[in-house]
């Protein structure tokens, strides 16, 4: 059974064993922890924002979000419109190419039939001439 194992398979087993050993050694190796040099500074604020200032801020924030979403929607519509136009152009080109291929296929079939008739005529002429 060992004689049936190829050199490539032997190397694969050796490499797998080495990886397993390094994984086990790495698990037990001393790990170092990352320590933060300076703790985060948390301070207590003596005064809070007034309700009116907070409402003004939220209204401004809402307006900014509405403007951004409006701009994003406009960009999406413009991009979709552009993509739709390009897809339509490609679709028309594909239809045109399909028509041309169909025409060429028909011409090719006609020429093949003509060549077959000509070949048959040449065969008959050669048979007559050889008799």
Protein backbone atom coordinates (compact mmCIF):
# COMPACT_ATOMS: atom_id res chain seq x y z
CA UNK A 1 0.00 0.00 0.00
CA UNK A 2 2.88 2.39 0.74
CA UNK A 3 4.36 1.55 -2.65
CA UNK A 4 1.24 3.01 -4.30
CA UNK A 5 1.84 6.47 -2.74
CA UNK A 6 3.50 8.90 -5.16
CA UNK A 7 6.30 11.31 -4.28
CA UNK A 8 3.91 14.24 -4.52
CA UNK A 9 1.57 12.63 -1.99
CA UNK A 10 4.49 11.93 0.37
CA UNK A 11 5.57 15.59 0.22
CA UNK A 12 1.98 16.68 0.83
CA UNK A 13 1.82 14.49 3.96
CA UNK A 14 5.17 15.85 5.22
CA UNK A 15 4.10 19.47 4.66
CA UNK A 16 0.76 18.84 6.39
CA UNK A 17 2.56 17.31 9.38
CA UNK A 18 4.93 20.30 9.60
CA UNK A 19 1.98 22.70 9.50
CA UNK A 20 0.20 20.75 12.26
CA UNK A 21 3.30 20.82 14.48
CA UNK A 22 3.82 24.58 13.97
CA UNK A 23 0.14 25.16 14.76
CA UNK A 24 0.41 23.25 18.06
CA UNK A 25 3.66 25.04 18.99
CA UNK A 26 2.13 28.40 18.14
CA UNK A 27 -0.83 27.67 20.41
CA UNK A 28 1.36 27.13 23.47
CA UNK A 29 3.87 29.91 22.69
CA UNK A 30 3.78 32.87 25.05
CA UNK A 31 1.35 35.46 23.76
CA UNK A 32 1.88 39.16 24.33
CA UNK A 33 -1.01 41.47 24.98
CA UNK A 34 -1.34 44.88 23.44
CA UNK A 35 -1.55 47.49 26.14
CA UNK A 36 -2.96 50.96 25.67
CA UNK A 37 -0.38 53.55 26.69
CA UNK A 38 -2.88 56.27 27.51
CA UNK A 39 -6.37 55.48 28.76
CA UNK A 40 -9.30 57.20 27.13
CA UNK A 41 -10.11 60.54 28.71
CA UNK A 42 -13.71 60.82 29.92
CA UNK A 43 -14.85 64.14 31.33
CA UNK A 44 -18.13 65.29 32.76
CA UNK A 45 -19.66 68.28 31.01
CA UNK A 46 -21.15 70.84 33.34
CA UNK A 47 -23.74 72.24 30.91
CA UNK A 48 -25.86 70.39 28.41
CA UNK A 49 -27.05 71.68 25.08
CA UNK A 50 -30.34 73.50 25.30
CA UNK A 51 -33.47 71.91 23.85
CA UNK A 52 -33.76 74.68 21.23
CA UNK A 53 -30.14 74.21 20.08
CA UNK A 54 -30.65 70.46 19.94
CA UNK A 55 -33.83 70.84 17.88
CA UNK A 56 -32.06 73.28 15.53
CA UNK A 57 -29.22 70.81 15.09
CA UNK A 58 -31.57 67.88 14.40
CA UNK A 59 -33.57 69.93 11.87
CA UNK A 60 -30.36 70.95 10.10
CA UNK A 61 -29.18 67.33 10.21
CA UNK A 62 -32.51 66.09 8.79
CA UNK A 63 -32.34 68.68 6.00
CA UNK A 64 -28.76 67.67 5.17
CA UNK A 65 -29.79 63.99 5.04
CA UNK A 66 -32.73 64.80 2.74
CA UNK A 67 -30.44 66.75 0.41
CA UNK A 68 -27.88 63.94 0.34
CA UNK A 69 -30.53 61.29 -0.33
CA UNK A 70 -31.98 63.49 -3.08
CA UNK A 71 -28.54 63.82 -4.69
CA UNK A 72 -27.94 60.08 -4.39
CA UNK A 73 -31.31 59.39 -6.00
CA UNK A 74 -30.48 61.77 -8.86
CA UNK A 75 -27.13 60.10 -9.43
CA UNK A 76 -28.77 56.65 -9.39
CA UNK A 77 -31.45 57.75 -11.88
CA UNK A 78 -28.81 59.30 -14.13
CA UNK A 79 -26.63 56.21 -13.94
CA UNK A 80 -29.58 53.90 -14.59
CA UNK A 81 -30.67 56.04 -17.54
CA UNK A 82 -27.16 55.99 -18.98
CA UNK A 83 -26.88 52.23 -18.51
CA UNK A 84 -30.31 51.71 -20.08
CA UNK A 85 -29.29 53.76 -23.13
CA UNK A 86 -26.05 51.81 -23.52
CA UNK A 87 -27.84 48.47 -23.11
CA UNK A 88 -30.36 49.52 -25.76
CA UNK A 89 -27.53 50.40 -28.17
CA UNK A 90 -25.83 47.05 -27.53
CA UNK A 91 -29.17 45.23 -27.96
CA UNK A 92 -29.73 46.91 -31.34
CA UNK A 93 -26.17 46.02 -32.38
CA UNK A 94 -26.71 42.38 -31.36
CA UNK A 95 -29.95 42.23 -33.37
CA UNK A 96 -28.17 43.70 -36.41
CA UNK A 97 -25.29 41.24 -36.08
CA UNK A 98 -27.82 38.40 -35.76
CA UNK A 99 -29.49 39.49 -39.00
CA UNK A 100 -26.13 39.66 -40.78
CA UNK A 101 -25.15 36.21 -39.50
CA UNK A 102 -28.47 34.78 -40.69
CA UNK A 103 -27.95 36.30 -44.14
CA UNK A 104 -24.39 34.98 -44.33
CA UNK A 105 -25.58 31.55 -43.22
CA UNK A 106 -28.16 31.52 -46.02
CA UNK A 107 -25.55 32.59 -48.58
CA UNK A 108 -23.15 29.96 -47.28
CA UNK A 109 -25.79 27.23 -47.65
CA UNK A 110 -26.53 28.32 -51.23
CA UNK A 111 -22.83 28.34 -52.15
CA UNK A 112 -22.35 24.93 -50.53
CA UNK A 113 -25.21 23.53 -52.61
CA UNK A 114 -23.77 25.10 -55.77
CA UNK A 115 -20.33 23.65 -54.99
CA UNK A 116 -21.88 20.21 -54.42
CA UNK A 117 -23.65 20.39 -57.81
CA UNK A 118 -20.43 21.54 -59.49
CA UNK A 119 -18.50 18.72 -57.83
CA UNK A 120 -21.09 16.19 -59.04
CA UNK A 121 -20.85 17.60 -62.58
CA UNK A 122 -17.05 17.37 -62.52
CA UNK A 123 -17.29 13.78 -61.33
CA UNK A 124 -19.67 12.92 -64.20
CA UNK A 125 -17.39 14.69 -66.73
CA UNK A 126 -14.34 12.86 -65.38
CA UNK A 127 -16.16 9.51 -65.62
CA UNK A 128 -17.19 10.22 -69.24
CA UNK A 129 -13.73 11.34 -70.15
CA UNK A 130 -12.05 8.29 -68.62
CA UNK A 131 -14.30 5.80 -70.49
